[in-house]
Amino acid sequence: MMQAYRTLVRREIGIHFLSWSGYMVIASTVFLTGLSMVILIESLGGEPTHRPLTELFFYSFSFWLVLLLAPPVITMRTFALEKSSGTFETLMTTLVSDTAVVLAKFTGAMVVYMVLWLPLIPCLWLIRKFCHDPGVLDVGALGSAFTGIYLVGMVFVSMGCLSSAMTRSQTVAAVISFCAGAAMLMVGFLSMAFSGEATPRGVVLSQLSLIEQMQDFAAGVVDTRAVVLYLSLTVFFLFFTKRVVESRRWK
């Protein structure tokens, strides 16, 4: 199984990086990241701030835009492209297990997702270098923030895989995945609306808020409850992706 899994992972990564769409996603992410940095620095206007730049960046609109749009674009082709091109049936008739197929496609998409965020590191390093102030970049908070980015990405990518497994259309898969991600993000805004309430509803919304949890990660706080939540949701979506693939095999 491991040999088949590794082969499928390499195949998935190759599909992304041998097509123009993969590089378009990376280029768009780099552009939005750089634009967000410029806007952030301009908004500070040379005034001192008590928060590290790493924390301020994760409050920006561009960050959440990339976080919300990138996974659907990356995952929309994972299963939908195979179905529309007719290669899905061929893949399902091989001796590769459904679990290996689902995990390989998820892993390949996650590798692409992780690569998307790597340009953020040199951007922040350059700002630190030219500011001549080590405090402008908190390395510990940066590591925590990347942990949060990848955990949230695991949930969104697994949702995207499930969406792609449910349809032949890449566009439909992307729309379903985007709407599901937007719905999860809306919980954060609802949490803000009920932030003053010490009620079970307010507590639950706060615990499920991606915005509040990402702010904690950006501040260098790794909450194990958030980690468990994201890992559980990832397993949940991958499990149902496998079930959809299994049902397709026997049709």
Protein backbone atom coordinates (compact mmCIF):
# COMPACT_ATOMS: atom_id res chain seq x y z
CA MET A 1 0.00 0.00 0.00
CA MET A 2 2.82 2.43 0.87
CA GLN A 3 4.45 2.03 -2.54
CA ALA A 4 1.15 2.73 -4.29
CA TYR A 5 0.53 5.66 -1.95
CA ARG A 6 3.92 7.25 -2.72
CA THR A 7 3.41 6.76 -6.45
CA LEU A 8 -0.01 8.41 -6.32
CA VAL A 9 1.33 11.31 -4.24
CA ARG A 10 4.07 11.98 -6.80
CA ARG A 11 1.46 11.81 -9.54
CA GLU A 12 -0.80 14.31 -7.77
CA ILE A 13 2.02 16.76 -7.14
CA GLY A 14 3.14 16.44 -10.75
CA ILE A 15 -0.38 17.20 -12.01
CA HIS A 16 -0.37 20.47 -10.07
CA PHE A 17 3.14 21.62 -10.93
CA LEU A 18 3.07 20.54 -14.58
CA SER A 19 0.01 22.67 -15.34
CA TRP A 20 -0.41 26.43 -15.60
CA SER A 21 -3.14 26.48 -12.95
CA GLY A 22 -0.74 25.42 -10.20
CA TYR A 23 1.65 28.25 -10.95
CA MET A 24 -1.23 30.70 -11.31
CA VAL A 25 -2.37 29.88 -7.78
CA ILE A 26 1.17 30.30 -6.44
CA ALA A 27 1.67 33.59 -8.32
CA SER A 28 -1.66 34.93 -7.08
CA THR A 29 -0.80 34.01 -3.51
CA VAL A 30 2.60 35.71 -3.73
CA PHE A 31 0.99 38.83 -5.21
CA LEU A 32 -1.70 39.03 -2.52
CA THR A 33 0.85 38.37 0.23
CA GLY A 34 3.15 41.11 -1.03
CA LEU A 35 0.24 43.51 -1.51
CA SER A 36 -0.98 42.82 2.01
CA MET A 37 2.49 43.54 3.39
CA VAL A 38 2.70 46.85 1.52
CA ILE A 39 -0.75 47.92 2.71
CA LEU A 40 0.09 46.90 6.27
CA ILE A 41 3.35 48.87 6.35
CA GLU A 42 1.69 51.90 4.75
CA SER A 43 -1.14 51.79 7.28
CA LEU A 44 1.34 51.88 10.16
CA GLY A 45 2.79 55.09 8.73
CA GLY A 46 6.08 54.68 10.54
CA GLU A 47 4.37 54.64 13.93
CA PRO A 48 5.49 52.06 16.51
CA THR A 49 3.20 49.14 17.26
CA HIS A 50 3.02 46.92 20.32
CA ARG A 51 2.20 43.85 18.20
CA PRO A 52 4.69 41.90 16.05
CA LEU A 53 4.19 42.16 12.30
CA THR A 54 3.46 38.44 12.16
CA GLU A 55 0.38 38.97 14.29
CA LEU A 56 -0.82 42.03 12.39
CA PHE A 57 -0.55 40.26 9.03
CA PHE A 58 -3.01 37.56 10.05
CA TYR A 59 -5.67 40.19 10.66
CA SER A 60 -5.50 41.32 7.03
CA PHE A 61 -8.22 40.75 4.43
CA SER A 62 -5.72 39.32 1.91
CA PHE A 63 -4.69 36.57 4.30
CA TRP A 64 -8.24 35.33 4.78
CA LEU A 65 -8.95 35.68 1.07
CA VAL A 66 -6.06 33.35 0.20
CA LEU A 67 -6.96 30.98 3.02
CA LEU A 68 -10.51 30.73 1.72
CA LEU A 69 -9.87 30.62 -2.05
CA ALA A 70 -6.70 28.52 -2.36
CA PRO A 71 -8.02 25.13 -1.11
CA PRO A 72 -11.03 25.00 -3.49
CA VAL A 73 -8.81 25.88 -6.47
CA ILE A 74 -6.23 23.26 -5.48
CA THR A 75 -8.68 20.45 -4.72
CA MET A 76 -11.36 20.99 -7.38
CA ARG A 77 -9.53 18.72 -9.81
CA THR A 78 -8.54 15.91 -7.41
CA PHE A 79 -11.47 13.62 -8.23
CA ALA A 80 -13.62 15.69 -10.61
CA LEU A 81 -10.90 15.81 -13.28
CA GLU A 82 -10.43 12.05 -13.07
CA LYS A 83 -14.17 11.52 -13.53
CA SER A 84 -14.59 13.95 -16.42
CA SER A 85 -11.56 12.57 -18.26
CA GLY A 86 -12.54 8.94 -17.70
CA THR A 87 -9.38 7.98 -15.79
CA PHE A 88 -11.21 7.54 -12.49
CA GLU A 89 -12.70 4.21 -13.54
CA THR A 90 -9.25 3.00 -14.62
CA LEU A 91 -7.78 4.02 -11.28
CA MET A 92 -10.54 2.24 -9.39
CA THR A 93 -9.98 -1.03 -11.28
CA THR A 94 -6.37 -1.24 -10.10
CA LEU A 95 -5.27 -2.96 -6.91
CA VAL A 96 -4.86 0.37 -5.13
CA SER A 97 -7.14 0.68 -2.10
CA ASP A 98 -9.67 3.47 -1.71
CA THR A 99 -7.86 4.64 1.42
CA ALA A 100 -4.57 4.98 -0.47
CA VAL A 101 -6.26 6.95 -3.26
CA VAL A 102 -7.97 9.37 -0.88
CA LEU A 103 -4.89 9.88 1.31
CA ALA A 104 -2.62 10.34 -1.71
CA LYS A 105 -4.85 12.98 -3.25
CA PHE A 106 -5.17 14.74 0.10
CA THR A 107 -1.41 14.64 0.67
CA GLY A 108 -0.65 15.93 -2.83
CA ALA A 109 -3.07 18.83 -2.37
CA MET A 110 -1.61 19.62 1.06
CA VAL A 111 1.93 19.75 -0.37
CA VAL A 112 0.79 22.33 -2.92
CA TYR A 113 -1.06 24.25 -0.20
CA MET A 114 2.04 24.31 2.01
CA VAL A 115 4.21 25.55 -0.86
CA LEU A 116 1.78 28.45 -1.37
CA TRP A 117 2.64 29.94 2.01
CA LEU A 118 6.43 29.56 1.86
CA PRO A 119 6.96 32.97 0.14
CA LEU A 120 5.55 34.58 3.28
CA ILE A 121 8.74 33.71 5.18
CA PRO A 122 11.19 35.72 3.00
CA CYS A 123 8.70 38.61 2.91
CA LEU A 124 8.68 38.84 6.69
CA TRP A 125 12.45 38.30 6.87
CA LEU A 126 13.11 41.19 4.47
CA ILE A 127 10.94 43.48 6.55
CA ARG A 128 12.81 42.46 9.68
CA LYS A 129 16.16 43.03 7.97
CA PHE A 130 15.35 46.53 6.76
CA CYS A 131 13.63 47.55 9.98
CA HIS A 132 16.75 46.65 11.98
CA ASP A 133 14.45 45.60 14.80
CA PRO A 134 14.33 41.89 15.76
CA GLY A 135 11.10 42.53 17.65
CA VAL A 136 9.20 43.24 14.45
CA LEU A 137 9.26 39.51 13.68
CA ASP A 138 8.54 37.04 16.46
CA VAL A 139 9.98 33.73 15.27
CA GLY A 140 8.00 31.72 17.82
CA ALA A 141 4.76 33.41 16.82
CA LEU A 142 5.60 32.83 13.15
CA GLY A 143 6.02 29.10 13.78
CA SER A 144 2.75 29.00 15.69
CA ALA A 145 1.01 30.95 12.91
CA PHE A 146 2.21 28.50 10.26
CA THR A 147 0.93 25.67 12.45
CA GLY A 148 -2.48 27.33 12.43
CA ILE A 149 -2.34 27.95 8.68
CA TYR A 150 -1.60 24.31 7.96
CA LEU A 151 -4.19 22.98 10.43
CA VAL A 152 -6.93 25.16 8.92
CA GLY A 153 -5.64 24.16 5.49
CA MET A 154 -6.01 20.49 6.35
CA VAL A 155 -9.69 21.04 7.11
CA PHE A 156 -10.34 23.10 3.98
CA VAL A 157 -8.37 20.73 1.73
CA SER A 158 -10.21 17.68 3.10
CA MET A 159 -13.50 19.51 2.48
CA GLY A 160 -12.32 20.22 -1.05
CA CYS A 161 -11.49 16.56 -1.64
CA LEU A 162 -14.98 15.57 -0.48
CA SER A 163 -16.57 18.20 -2.74
CA SER A 164 -14.53 17.01 -5.72
CA ALA A 165 -15.43 13.38 -5.04
CA MET A 166 -19.14 14.26 -5.15
CA THR A 167 -19.22 15.70 -8.69
CA ARG A 168 -17.72 15.51 -12.17
CA SER A 169 -17.52 19.29 -12.53
CA GLN A 170 -14.44 21.07 -11.22
CA THR A 171 -16.37 24.33 -11.06
CA VAL A 172 -19.15 22.81 -8.97
CA ALA A 173 -16.57 21.20 -6.68
CA ALA A 174 -14.82 24.54 -6.17
CA VAL A 175 -18.11 26.33 -5.44
CA ILE A 176 -19.22 23.71 -2.91
CA SER A 177 -15.84 23.79 -1.17
CA PHE A 178 -15.77 27.60 -1.12
CA CYS A 179 -19.29 27.84 0.32
CA ALA A 180 -18.46 25.28 3.02
CA GLY A 181 -15.32 27.20 3.95
CA ALA A 182 -17.20 30.50 3.97
CA ALA A 183 -19.83 28.97 6.25
CA MET A 184 -17.12 27.92 8.70
CA LEU A 185 -15.63 31.40 8.55
CA MET A 186 -19.04 32.94 9.27
CA VAL A 187 -19.01 31.20 12.63
CA GLY A 188 -16.18 33.56 13.56
CA PHE A 189 -18.29 36.61 12.75
CA LEU A 190 -21.20 35.17 14.75
CA SER A 191 -18.79 34.62 17.63
CA MET A 192 -17.88 38.31 17.51
CA ALA A 193 -21.56 39.25 17.59
CA PHE A 194 -22.13 37.17 20.72
CA SER A 195 -18.73 37.82 22.30
CA GLY A 196 -20.28 39.64 25.26
CA GLU A 197 -22.57 36.75 26.17
CA ALA A 198 -21.46 34.29 28.84
CA THR A 199 -23.90 31.71 27.49
CA PRO A 200 -23.37 28.19 26.13
CA ARG A 201 -24.06 29.56 22.65
CA GLY A 202 -21.36 32.19 23.00
CA VAL A 203 -18.86 29.68 24.38
CA VAL A 204 -19.51 27.15 21.60
CA LEU A 205 -19.21 29.80 18.88
CA SER A 206 -15.97 31.04 20.41
CA GLN A 207 -14.51 27.52 20.47
CA LEU A 208 -15.45 26.98 16.81
CA SER A 209 -14.33 30.40 15.57
CA LEU A 210 -11.57 30.14 12.97
CA ILE A 211 -10.86 33.85 13.38
CA GLU A 212 -10.30 33.72 17.14
CA GLN A 213 -8.25 30.54 16.90
CA MET A 214 -6.08 31.96 14.11
CA GLN A 215 -5.51 35.09 16.19
CA ASP A 216 -4.30 32.87 19.03
CA PHE A 217 -1.94 31.00 16.70
CA ALA A 218 -0.61 34.31 15.32
CA ALA A 219 0.04 35.48 18.88
CA GLY A 220 2.12 32.36 19.59
CA VAL A 221 -0.59 30.48 21.50
CA VAL A 222 -1.17 26.88 20.40
CA ASP A 223 -4.45 25.70 21.92
CA THR A 224 -4.62 21.91 21.99
CA ARG A 225 -8.41 22.11 21.75
CA ALA A 226 -8.10 23.84 18.38
CA VAL A 227 -5.54 21.27 17.22
CA VAL A 228 -7.85 18.39 18.18
CA LEU A 229 -10.80 20.12 16.50
CA TYR A 230 -8.97 20.62 13.19
CA LEU A 231 -7.55 17.10 13.14
CA SER A 232 -10.97 15.63 13.96
CA LEU A 233 -12.67 17.62 11.20
CA THR A 234 -9.98 16.53 8.74
CA VAL A 235 -10.51 12.86 9.60
CA PHE A 236 -14.28 13.38 9.39
CA PHE A 237 -14.18 14.83 5.86
CA LEU A 238 -11.62 12.29 4.63
CA PHE A 239 -13.75 9.45 5.99
CA PHE A 240 -16.76 10.62 4.00
CA THR A 241 -14.57 11.19 0.95
CA LYS A 242 -13.56 7.54 1.18
CA ARG A 243 -17.20 6.52 1.49
CA VAL A 244 -18.09 8.49 -1.65
CA VAL A 245 -15.18 6.88 -3.53
CA GLU A 246 -16.25 3.43 -2.34
CA SER A 247 -19.81 3.98 -3.55
CA ARG A 248 -18.45 5.07 -6.91
CA ARG A 249 -16.33 1.92 -7.20
CA TRP A 250 -19.36 -0.35 -6.90
CA LYS A 251 -21.59 1.56 -9.35
